[in-house]
PDB file of N, CA and C in Angstrom:
ATOM      1  N   MET A   1     -28.279  29.166 -23.195  1.00  0.00           N
ATOM      2  CA  MET A   1     -27.217  28.616 -22.401  1.00  0.00           C
ATOM      3  C   MET A   1     -27.299  27.098 -22.499  1.00  0.00           C
ATOM      4  N   THR A   2     -26.221  26.513 -22.902  1.00  0.00           N
ATOM      5  CA  THR A   2     -26.190  25.062 -23.016  1.00  0.00           C
ATOM      6  C   THR A   2     -25.292  24.505 -21.932  1.00  0.00           C
ATOM      7  N   THR A   3     -25.745  23.435 -21.370  1.00  0.00           N
ATOM      8  CA  THR A   3     -24.924  22.774 -20.362  1.00  0.00           C
ATOM      9  C   THR A   3     -24.594  21.388 -20.869  1.00  0.00           C
ATOM     10  N   THR A   4     -23.387  21.038 -20.684  1.00  0.00           N
ATOM     11  CA  THR A   4     -22.975  19.697 -21.078  1.00  0.00           C
ATOM     12  C   THR A   4     -22.648  18.921 -19.825  1.00  0.00           C
ATOM     13  N   THR A   5     -23.134  17.751 -19.795  1.00  0.00           N
ATOM     14  CA  THR A   5     -22.821  16.889 -18.657  1.00  0.00           C
ATOM     15  C   THR A   5     -22.009  15.720 -19.169  1.00  0.00           C
ATOM     16  N   SER A   6     -20.977  15.452 -18.485  1.00  0.00           N
ATOM     17  CA  SER A   6     -20.162  14.299 -18.855  1.00  0.00           C
ATOM     18  C   SER A   6     -20.084  13.371 -17.659  1.00  0.00           C
ATOM     19  N   THR A   7     -20.096  12.138 -17.961  1.00  0.00           N
ATOM     20  CA  THR A   7     -20.003  11.175 -16.873  1.00  0.00           C
ATOM     21  C   THR A   7     -18.556  11.076 -16.443  1.00  0.00           C
ATOM     22  N   PRO A   8     -18.326  11.083 -15.151  1.00  0.00           N
ATOM     23  CA  PRO A   8     -16.930  10.984 -14.690  1.00  0.00           C
ATOM     24  C   PRO A   8     -16.369   9.597 -14.982  1.00  0.00           C
ATOM     25  N   THR A   9     -15.145   9.599 -15.371  1.00  0.00           N
ATOM     26  CA  THR A   9     -14.499   8.319 -15.641  1.00  0.00           C
ATOM     27  C   THR A   9     -14.058   7.704 -14.331  1.00  0.00           C
ATOM     28  N   PRO A  10     -14.235   6.414 -14.184  1.00  0.00           N
ATOM     29  CA  PRO A  10     -13.821   5.783 -12.924  1.00  0.00           C
ATOM     30  C   PRO A  10     -12.312   5.802 -12.795  1.00  0.00           C
ATOM     31  N   PRO A  11     -11.835   5.923 -11.576  1.00  0.00           N
ATOM     32  CA  PRO A  11     -10.378   5.930 -11.394  1.00  0.00           C
ATOM     33  C   PRO A  11      -9.782   4.584 -11.766  1.00  0.00           C
ATOM     34  N   THR A  12      -8.655   4.651 -12.384  1.00  0.00           N
ATOM     35  CA  THR A  12      -7.981   3.411 -12.758  1.00  0.00           C
ATOM     36  C   THR A  12      -7.075   2.980 -11.622  1.00  0.00           C
ATOM     37  N   PRO A  13      -7.043   1.712 -11.320  1.00  0.00           N
ATOM     38  CA  PRO A  13      -6.151   1.262 -10.247  1.00  0.00           C
ATOM     39  C   PRO A  13      -4.705   1.420 -10.654  1.00  0.00           C
ATOM     40  N   SER A  14      -3.867   1.714  -9.670  1.00  0.00           N
ATOM     41  CA  SER A  14      -2.460   1.956  -9.966  1.00  0.00           C
ATOM     42  C   SER A  14      -1.736   0.675 -10.364  1.00  0.00           C
ATOM     43  N   ALA A  15      -2.136  -0.429  -9.799  1.00  0.00           N
ATOM     44  CA  ALA A  15      -1.502  -1.698 -10.147  1.00  0.00           C
ATOM     45  C   ALA A  15      -2.597  -2.709 -10.455  1.00  0.00           C
ATOM     46  N   THR A  16      -2.624  -3.167 -11.675  1.00  0.00           N
ATOM     47  CA  THR A  16      -3.613  -4.170 -12.042  1.00  0.00           C
ATOM     48  C   THR A  16      -3.095  -5.542 -11.682  1.00  0.00           C
ATOM     49  N   ALA A  17      -3.895  -6.537 -11.956  1.00  0.00           N
ATOM     50  CA  ALA A  17      -3.527  -7.897 -11.549  1.00  0.00           C
ATOM     51  C   ALA A  17      -2.268  -8.387 -12.254  1.00  0.00           C
ATOM     52  N   GLY A  18      -2.020  -7.918 -13.456  1.00  0.00           N
ATOM     53  CA  GLY A  18      -0.867  -8.388 -14.202  1.00  0.00           C
ATOM     54  C   GLY A  18       0.423  -7.638 -13.906  1.00  0.00           C
ATOM     55  N   GLU A  19       0.318  -6.465 -13.290  1.00  0.00           N
ATOM     56  CA  GLU A  19       1.495  -5.646 -13.031  1.00  0.00           C
ATOM     57  C   GLU A  19       2.027  -5.903 -11.622  1.00  0.00           C
ATOM     58  N   PRO A  20       3.342  -5.877 -11.440  1.00  0.00           N
ATOM     59  CA  PRO A  20       3.900  -6.069 -10.095  1.00  0.00           C
ATOM     60  C   PRO A  20       3.693  -4.831  -9.239  1.00  0.00           C
ATOM     61  N   ASP A  21       3.654  -5.023  -7.947  1.00  0.00           N
ATOM     62  CA  ASP A  21       3.516  -3.929  -6.987  1.00  0.00           C
ATOM     63  C   ASP A  21       4.901  -3.379  -6.688  1.00  0.00           C
ATOM     64  N   LEU A  22       5.290  -2.309  -7.382  1.00  0.00           N
ATOM     65  CA  LEU A  22       6.643  -1.764  -7.237  1.00  0.00           C
ATOM     66  C   LEU A  22       6.852  -1.092  -5.888  1.00  0.00           C
ATOM     67  N   VAL A  23       5.847  -0.404  -5.381  1.00  0.00           N
ATOM     68  CA  VAL A  23       5.994   0.260  -4.084  1.00  0.00           C
ATOM     69  C   VAL A  23       6.179  -0.777  -2.990  1.00  0.00           C
ATOM     70  N   GLY A  24       5.368  -1.816  -3.027  1.00  0.00           N
ATOM     71  CA  GLY A  24       5.493  -2.875  -2.036  1.00  0.00           C
ATOM     72  C   GLY A  24       6.822  -3.594  -2.128  1.00  0.00           C
ATOM     73  N   ALA A  25       7.298  -3.802  -3.334  1.00  0.00           N
ATOM     74  CA  ALA A  25       8.576  -4.498  -3.510  1.00  0.00           C
ATOM     75  C   ALA A  25       9.742  -3.666  -3.003  1.00  0.00           C
ATOM     76  N   MET A  26       9.656  -2.347  -3.111  1.00  0.00           N
ATOM     77  CA  MET A  26      10.767  -1.493  -2.709  1.00  0.00           C
ATOM     78  C   MET A  26      10.771  -1.154  -1.230  1.00  0.00           C
ATOM     79  N   PHE A  27       9.591  -0.932  -0.653  1.00  0.00           N
ATOM     80  CA  PHE A  27       9.531  -0.352   0.684  1.00  0.00           C
ATOM     81  C   PHE A  27       8.899  -1.232   1.747  1.00  0.00           C
ATOM     82  N   ALA A  28       8.091  -2.208   1.365  1.00  0.00           N
ATOM     83  CA  ALA A  28       7.344  -2.986   2.354  1.00  0.00           C
ATOM     84  C   ALA A  28       8.228  -4.025   3.032  1.00  0.00           C
ATOM     85  N   SER A  29       7.790  -4.460   4.208  1.00  0.00           N
ATOM     86  CA  SER A  29       8.484  -5.492   4.974  1.00  0.00           C
ATOM     87  C   SER A  29       7.627  -6.748   5.011  1.00  0.00           C
ATOM     88  N   ARG A  30       8.164  -7.801   5.647  1.00  0.00           N
ATOM     89  CA  ARG A  30       7.423  -9.052   5.755  1.00  0.00           C
ATOM     90  C   ARG A  30       6.218  -8.918   6.666  1.00  0.00           C
ATOM     91  N   SER A  31       6.349  -8.131   7.727  1.00  0.00           N
ATOM     92  CA  SER A  31       5.247  -7.961   8.678  1.00  0.00           C
ATOM     93  C   SER A  31       5.308  -6.555   9.265  1.00  0.00           C
ATOM     94  N   LEU A  32       4.217  -6.186   9.925  1.00  0.00           N
ATOM     95  CA  LEU A  32       4.192  -4.866  10.568  1.00  0.00           C
ATOM     96  C   LEU A  32       5.200  -4.781  11.701  1.00  0.00           C
ATOM     97  N   THR A  33       5.392  -5.889  12.426  1.00  0.00           N
ATOM     98  CA  THR A  33       6.352  -5.887  13.532  1.00  0.00           C
ATOM     99  C   THR A  33       7.760  -5.614  13.029  1.00  0.00           C
ATOM    100  N   VAL A  34       8.150  -6.283  11.954  1.00  0.00           N
ATOM    101  CA  VAL A  34       9.484  -6.066  11.365  1.00  0.00           C
ATOM    102  C   VAL A  34       9.622  -4.617  10.916  1.00  0.00           C
ATOM    103  N   HIS A  35       8.580  -4.069  10.326  1.00  0.00           N
ATOM    104  CA  HIS A  35       8.643  -2.694   9.840  1.00  0.00           C
ATOM    105  C   HIS A  35       8.772  -1.701  10.997  1.00  0.00           C
ATOM    106  N   TYR A  36       8.001  -1.908  12.059  1.00  0.00           N
ATOM    107  CA  TYR A  36       8.096  -1.023  13.222  1.00  0.00           C
ATOM    108  C   TYR A  36       9.465  -1.128  13.900  1.00  0.00           C
ATOM    109  N   VAL A  37      10.018  -2.328  13.982  1.00  0.00           N
ATOM    110  CA  VAL A  37      11.343  -2.498  14.597  1.00  0.00           C
ATOM    111  C   VAL A  37      12.401  -1.780  13.765  1.00  0.00           C
ATOM    112  N   ARG A  38      12.338  -1.920  12.441  1.00  0.00           N
ATOM    113  CA  ARG A  38      13.281  -1.204  11.576  1.00  0.00           C
ATOM    114  C   ARG A  38      13.170   0.307  11.768  1.00  0.00           C
ATOM    115  N   GLY A  39      11.949   0.812  11.877  1.00  0.00           N
ATOM    116  CA  GLY A  39      11.751   2.249  12.081  1.00  0.00           C
ATOM    117  C   GLY A  39      12.261   2.719  13.425  1.00  0.00           C
ATOM    118  N   LEU A  40      12.018   1.939  14.468  1.00  0.00           N
ATOM    119  CA  LEU A  40      12.467   2.322  15.812  1.00  0.00           C
ATOM    120  C   LEU A  40      13.985   2.303  15.921  1.00  0.00           C
ATOM    121  N   ILE A  41      14.617   1.269  15.412  1.00  0.00           N
ATOM    122  CA  ILE A  41      16.087   1.203  15.446  1.00  0.00           C
ATOM    123  C   ILE A  41      16.685   2.356  14.638  1.00  0.00           C
ATOM    124  N   GLY A  42      16.095   2.637  13.481  1.00  0.00           N
ATOM    125  CA  GLY A  42      16.571   3.755  12.672  1.00  0.00           C
ATOM    126  C   GLY A  42      16.436   5.083  13.382  1.00  0.00           C
ATOM    127  N   LEU A  43      15.332   5.274  14.089  1.00  0.00           N
ATOM    128  CA  LEU A  43      15.129   6.521  14.825  1.00  0.00           C
ATOM    129  C   LEU A  43      16.136   6.663  15.961  1.00  0.00           C
ATOM    130  N   VAL A  44      16.378   5.579  16.693  1.00  0.00           N
ATOM    131  CA  VAL A  44      17.363   5.617  17.783  1.00  0.00           C
ATOM    132  C   VAL A  44      18.759   5.931  17.238  1.00  0.00           C
ATOM    133  N   LEU A  45      19.122   5.298  16.124  1.00  0.00           N
ATOM    134  CA  LEU A  45      20.443   5.558  15.544  1.00  0.00           C
ATOM    135  C   LEU A  45      20.567   6.987  15.021  1.00  0.00           C
ATOM    136  N   LEU A  46      19.491   7.524  14.458  1.00  0.00           N
ATOM    137  CA  LEU A  46      19.527   8.898  13.974  1.00  0.00           C
ATOM    138  C   LEU A  46      19.706   9.886  15.120  1.00  0.00           C
ATOM    139  N   VAL A  47      18.938   9.719  16.191  1.00  0.00           N
ATOM    140  CA  VAL A  47      19.052  10.621  17.342  1.00  0.00           C
ATOM    141  C   VAL A  47      20.426  10.490  17.986  1.00  0.00           C
ATOM    142  N   ALA A  48      20.919   9.246  18.121  1.00  0.00           N
ATOM    143  CA  ALA A  48      22.245   9.043  18.716  1.00  0.00           C
ATOM    144  C   ALA A  48      23.333   9.654  17.834  1.00  0.00           C
ATOM    145  N   GLY A  49      23.243   9.451  16.540  1.00  0.00           N
ATOM    146  CA  GLY A  49      24.259   9.984  15.632  1.00  0.00           C
ATOM    147  C   GLY A  49      24.309  11.490  15.633  1.00  0.00           C
ATOM    148  N   LEU A  50      23.144  12.133  15.607  1.00  0.00           N
ATOM    149  CA  LEU A  50      23.127  13.587  15.605  1.00  0.00           C
ATOM    150  C   LEU A  50      23.440  14.157  16.983  1.00  0.00           C
ATOM    151  N   GLY A  51      23.005  13.468  18.021  1.00  0.00           N
ATOM    152  CA  GLY A  51      23.271  13.950  19.381  1.00  0.00           C
ATOM    153  C   GLY A  51      24.726  13.830  19.782  1.00  0.00           C
ATOM    154  N   LEU A  52      25.380  12.780  19.344  1.00  0.00           N
ATOM    155  CA  LEU A  52      26.777  12.556  19.714  1.00  0.00           C
ATOM    156  C   LEU A  52      27.763  13.129  18.692  1.00  0.00           C
ATOM    157  N   ALA A  53      27.258  13.814  17.694  1.00  0.00           N
ATOM    158  CA  ALA A  53      28.145  14.400  16.683  1.00  0.00           C
ATOM    159  C   ALA A  53      29.045  15.481  17.286  1.00  0.00           C
ATOM    160  N   ALA A  54      28.596  16.108  18.364  1.00  0.00           N
ATOM    161  CA  ALA A  54      29.423  17.126  19.015  1.00  0.00           C
ATOM    162  C   ALA A  54      30.629  16.498  19.711  1.00  0.00           C
ATOM    163  N   VAL A  55      30.506  15.247  20.127  1.00  0.00           N
ATOM    164  CA  VAL A  55      31.613  14.554  20.775  1.00  0.00           C
ATOM    165  C   VAL A  55      32.658  14.161  19.744  1.00  0.00           C
ATOM    166  N   SER A  56      32.200  13.535  18.679  1.00  0.00           N
ATOM    167  CA  SER A  56      33.102  13.101  17.612  1.00  0.00           C
ATOM    168  C   SER A  56      32.307  13.008  16.317  1.00  0.00           C
ATOM    169  N   ALA A  57      32.921  13.423  15.234  1.00  0.00           N
ATOM    170  CA  ALA A  57      32.243  13.381  13.943  1.00  0.00           C
ATOM    171  C   ALA A  57      32.005  11.953  13.461  1.00  0.00           C
ATOM    172  N   TRP A  58      32.697  10.985  14.052  1.00  0.00           N
ATOM    173  CA  TRP A  58      32.515   9.582  13.665  1.00  0.00           C
ATOM    174  C   TRP A  58      31.106   9.087  13.965  1.00  0.00           C
ATOM    175  N   TRP A  59      30.432   9.700  14.928  1.00  0.00           N
ATOM    176  CA  TRP A  59      29.081   9.295  15.264  1.00  0.00           C
ATOM    177  C   TRP A  59      28.106   9.564  14.121  1.00  0.00           C
ATOM    178  N   LEU A  60      28.481  10.465  13.229  1.00  0.00           N
ATOM    179  CA  LEU A  60      27.617  10.736  12.065  1.00  0.00           C
ATOM    180  C   LEU A  60      27.542   9.547  11.110  1.00  0.00           C
ATOM    181  N   MET A  61      28.409   8.561  11.303  1.00  0.00           N
ATOM    182  CA  MET A  61      28.359   7.351  10.477  1.00  0.00           C
ATOM    183  C   MET A  61      27.103   6.530  10.765  1.00  0.00           C
ATOM    184  N   LEU A  62      26.398   6.844  11.853  1.00  0.00           N
ATOM    185  CA  LEU A  62      25.142   6.161  12.147  1.00  0.00           C
ATOM    186  C   LEU A  62      23.996   6.633  11.258  1.00  0.00           C
ATOM    187  N   VAL A  63      24.112   7.831  10.700  1.00  0.00           N
ATOM    188  CA  VAL A  63      23.041   8.379   9.870  1.00  0.00           C
ATOM    189  C   VAL A  63      22.840   7.549   8.587  1.00  0.00           C
ATOM    190  N   PRO A  64      23.879   7.144   7.858  1.00  0.00           N
ATOM    191  CA  PRO A  64      23.637   6.288   6.693  1.00  0.00           C
ATOM    192  C   PRO A  64      23.009   4.937   7.056  1.00  0.00           C
ATOM    193  N   VAL A  65      23.306   4.427   8.248  1.00  0.00           N
ATOM    194  CA  VAL A  65      22.678   3.184   8.686  1.00  0.00           C
ATOM    195  C   VAL A  65      21.170   3.400   8.842  1.00  0.00           C
ATOM    196  N   THR A  66      20.798   4.578   9.346  1.00  0.00           N
ATOM    197  CA  THR A  66      19.384   4.921   9.455  1.00  0.00           C
ATOM    198  C   THR A  66      18.727   4.944   8.085  1.00  0.00           C
ATOM    199  N   VAL A  67      19.399   5.520   7.110  1.00  0.00           N
ATOM    200  CA  VAL A  67      18.849   5.588   5.753  1.00  0.00           C
ATOM    201  C   VAL A  67      18.649   4.182   5.186  1.00  0.00           C
ATOM    202  N   VAL A  68      19.559   3.281   5.466  1.00  0.00           N
ATOM    203  CA  VAL A  68      19.418   1.901   4.994  1.00  0.00           C
ATOM    204  C   VAL A  68      18.238   1.225   5.682  1.00  0.00           C
ATOM    205  N   LEU A  69      18.117   1.411   7.004  1.00  0.00           N
ATOM    206  CA  LEU A  69      17.015   0.793   7.729  1.00  0.00           C
ATOM    207  C   LEU A  69      15.659   1.338   7.285  1.00  0.00           C
ATOM    208  N   TRP A  70      15.595   2.628   7.017  1.00  0.00           N
ATOM    209  CA  TRP A  70      14.341   3.231   6.588  1.00  0.00           C
ATOM    210  C   TRP A  70      14.109   3.068   5.092  1.00  0.00           C
ATOM    211  N   ARG A  71      15.091   2.524   4.374  1.00  0.00           N
ATOM    212  CA  ARG A  71      15.037   2.387   2.911  1.00  0.00           C
ATOM    213  C   ARG A  71      14.789   3.745   2.259  1.00  0.00           C
ATOM    214  N   GLY A  72      15.490   4.728   2.759  1.00  0.00           N
ATOM    215  CA  GLY A  72      15.369   6.088   2.258  1.00  0.00           C
ATOM    216  C   GLY A  72      15.098   7.038   3.405  1.00  0.00           C
ATOM    217  N   CYS A  73      14.257   8.005   3.172  1.00  0.00           N
ATOM    218  CA  CYS A  73      13.937   8.996   4.197  1.00  0.00           C
ATOM    219  C   CYS A  73      12.765   8.517   5.051  1.00  0.00           C
ATOM    220  N   MET A  74      12.334   9.349   5.963  1.00  0.00           N
ATOM    221  CA  MET A  74      11.207   8.992   6.834  1.00  0.00           C
ATOM    222  C   MET A  74       9.923   8.829   6.032  1.00  0.00           C
ATOM    223  N   SER A  75       9.776   9.608   4.968  1.00  0.00           N
ATOM    224  CA  SER A  75       8.595   9.453   4.108  1.00  0.00           C
ATOM    225  C   SER A  75       8.602   8.099   3.406  1.00  0.00           C
ATOM    226  N   CYS A  76       9.791   7.637   3.020  1.00  0.00           N
ATOM    227  CA  CYS A  76       9.898   6.313   2.400  1.00  0.00           C
ATOM    228  C   CYS A  76       9.503   5.223   3.389  1.00  0.00           C
ATOM    229  N   TRP A  77       9.895   5.389   4.648  1.00  0.00           N
ATOM    230  CA  TRP A  77       9.511   4.428   5.680  1.00  0.00           C
ATOM    231  C   TRP A  77       7.998   4.419   5.869  1.00  0.00           C
ATOM    232  N   THR A  78       7.393   5.607   5.863  1.00  0.00           N
ATOM    233  CA  THR A  78       5.944   5.708   6.018  1.00  0.00           C
ATOM    234  C   THR A  78       5.224   5.087   4.829  1.00  0.00           C
ATOM    235  N   LEU A  79       5.725   5.302   3.637  1.00  0.00           N
ATOM    236  CA  LEU A  79       5.150   4.678   2.444  1.00  0.00           C
ATOM    237  C   LEU A  79       5.245   3.161   2.543  1.00  0.00           C
ATOM    238  N   GLY A  80       6.370   2.672   3.041  1.00  0.00           N
ATOM    239  CA  GLY A  80       6.527   1.243   3.252  1.00  0.00           C
ATOM    240  C   GLY A  80       5.589   0.710   4.309  1.00  0.00           C
ATOM    241  N   LEU A  81       5.307   1.514   5.330  1.00  0.00           N
ATOM    242  CA  LEU A  81       4.354   1.110   6.364  1.00  0.00           C
ATOM    243  C   LEU A  81       2.970   0.916   5.755  1.00  0.00           C
ATOM    244  N   MET A  82       2.570   1.837   4.913  1.00  0.00           N
ATOM    245  CA  MET A  82       1.265   1.711   4.266  1.00  0.00           C
ATOM    246  C   MET A  82       1.222   0.501   3.326  1.00  0.00           C
ATOM    247  N   ALA A  83       2.311   0.254   2.607  1.00  0.00           N
ATOM    248  CA  ALA A  83       2.363  -0.901   1.714  1.00  0.00           C
ATOM    249  C   ALA A  83       2.365  -2.210   2.509  1.00  0.00           C
ATOM    250  N   THR A  84       3.078  -2.236   3.625  1.00  0.00           N
ATOM    251  CA  THR A  84       3.092  -3.429   4.471  1.00  0.00           C
ATOM    252  C   THR A  84       1.720  -3.670   5.073  1.00  0.00           C
ATOM    253  N   ARG A  85       1.086  -2.612   5.507  1.00  0.00           N
ATOM    254  CA  ARG A  85      -0.253  -2.745   6.066  1.00  0.00           C
ATOM    255  C   ARG A  85      -1.239  -3.245   5.015  1.00  0.00           C
ATOM    256  N   ALA A  86      -1.130  -2.746   3.796  1.00  0.00           N
ATOM    257  CA  ALA A  86      -2.018  -3.212   2.727  1.00  0.00           C
ATOM    258  C   ALA A  86      -1.784  -4.681   2.413  1.00  0.00           C
ATOM    259  N   ARG A  87      -0.544  -5.130   2.519  1.00  0.00           N
ATOM    260  CA  ARG A  87      -0.241  -6.534   2.247  1.00  0.00           C
ATOM    261  C   ARG A  87      -0.725  -7.453   3.339  1.00  0.00           C
ATOM    262  N   THR A  88      -0.564  -7.046   4.588  1.00  0.00           N
ATOM    263  CA  THR A  88      -0.769  -7.982   5.701  1.00  0.00           C
ATOM    264  C   THR A  88      -2.151  -7.889   6.332  1.00  0.00           C
ATOM    265  N   CYS A  89      -2.777  -6.749   6.324  1.00  0.00           N
ATOM    266  CA  CYS A  89      -4.072  -6.593   6.999  1.00  0.00           C
ATOM    267  C   CYS A  89      -5.206  -6.864   6.013  1.00  0.00           C
ATOM    268  N   ARG A  90      -6.188  -7.542   6.484  1.00  0.00           N
ATOM    269  CA  ARG A  90      -7.349  -7.849   5.669  1.00  0.00           C
ATOM    270  C   ARG A  90      -8.472  -6.881   6.025  1.00  0.00           C
ATOM    271  N   VAL A  91      -9.291  -6.567   5.038  1.00  0.00           N
ATOM    272  CA  VAL A  91     -10.424  -5.673   5.259  1.00  0.00           C
ATOM    273  C   VAL A  91     -11.565  -6.490   5.855  1.00  0.00           C
ATOM    274  N   ARG A  92     -12.109  -5.978   6.939  1.00  0.00           N
ATOM    275  CA  ARG A  92     -13.240  -6.674   7.568  1.00  0.00           C
ATOM    276  C   ARG A  92     -14.545  -6.203   6.938  1.00  0.00           C
ATOM    277  N   ALA A  93     -15.384  -7.147   6.632  1.00  0.00           N
ATOM    278  CA  ALA A  93     -16.661  -6.802   5.985  1.00  0.00           C
ATOM    279  C   ALA A  93     -17.746  -6.543   6.998  1.00  0.00           C
TER     280      ALA A  93
END
């Protein structure tokens, strides 16, 4: 019985020093406060738009505004939160 051992290759970083940060450019905000405010306003508009849709279908026009504020879906907003946090928060040693 022969066993072969291979050394694991180190993970390669997704963005090297020469490459631009595409996720950060698309989804991140200037600060965490700005990002949280965008998320909160988007959430309020989404709940209002869906809740008031029974009164008038015009209230559904608030849903695209939510998509613009979140820069996509809720997962896109969360991805932007992580990118904003990576940009603004420093690691403590």
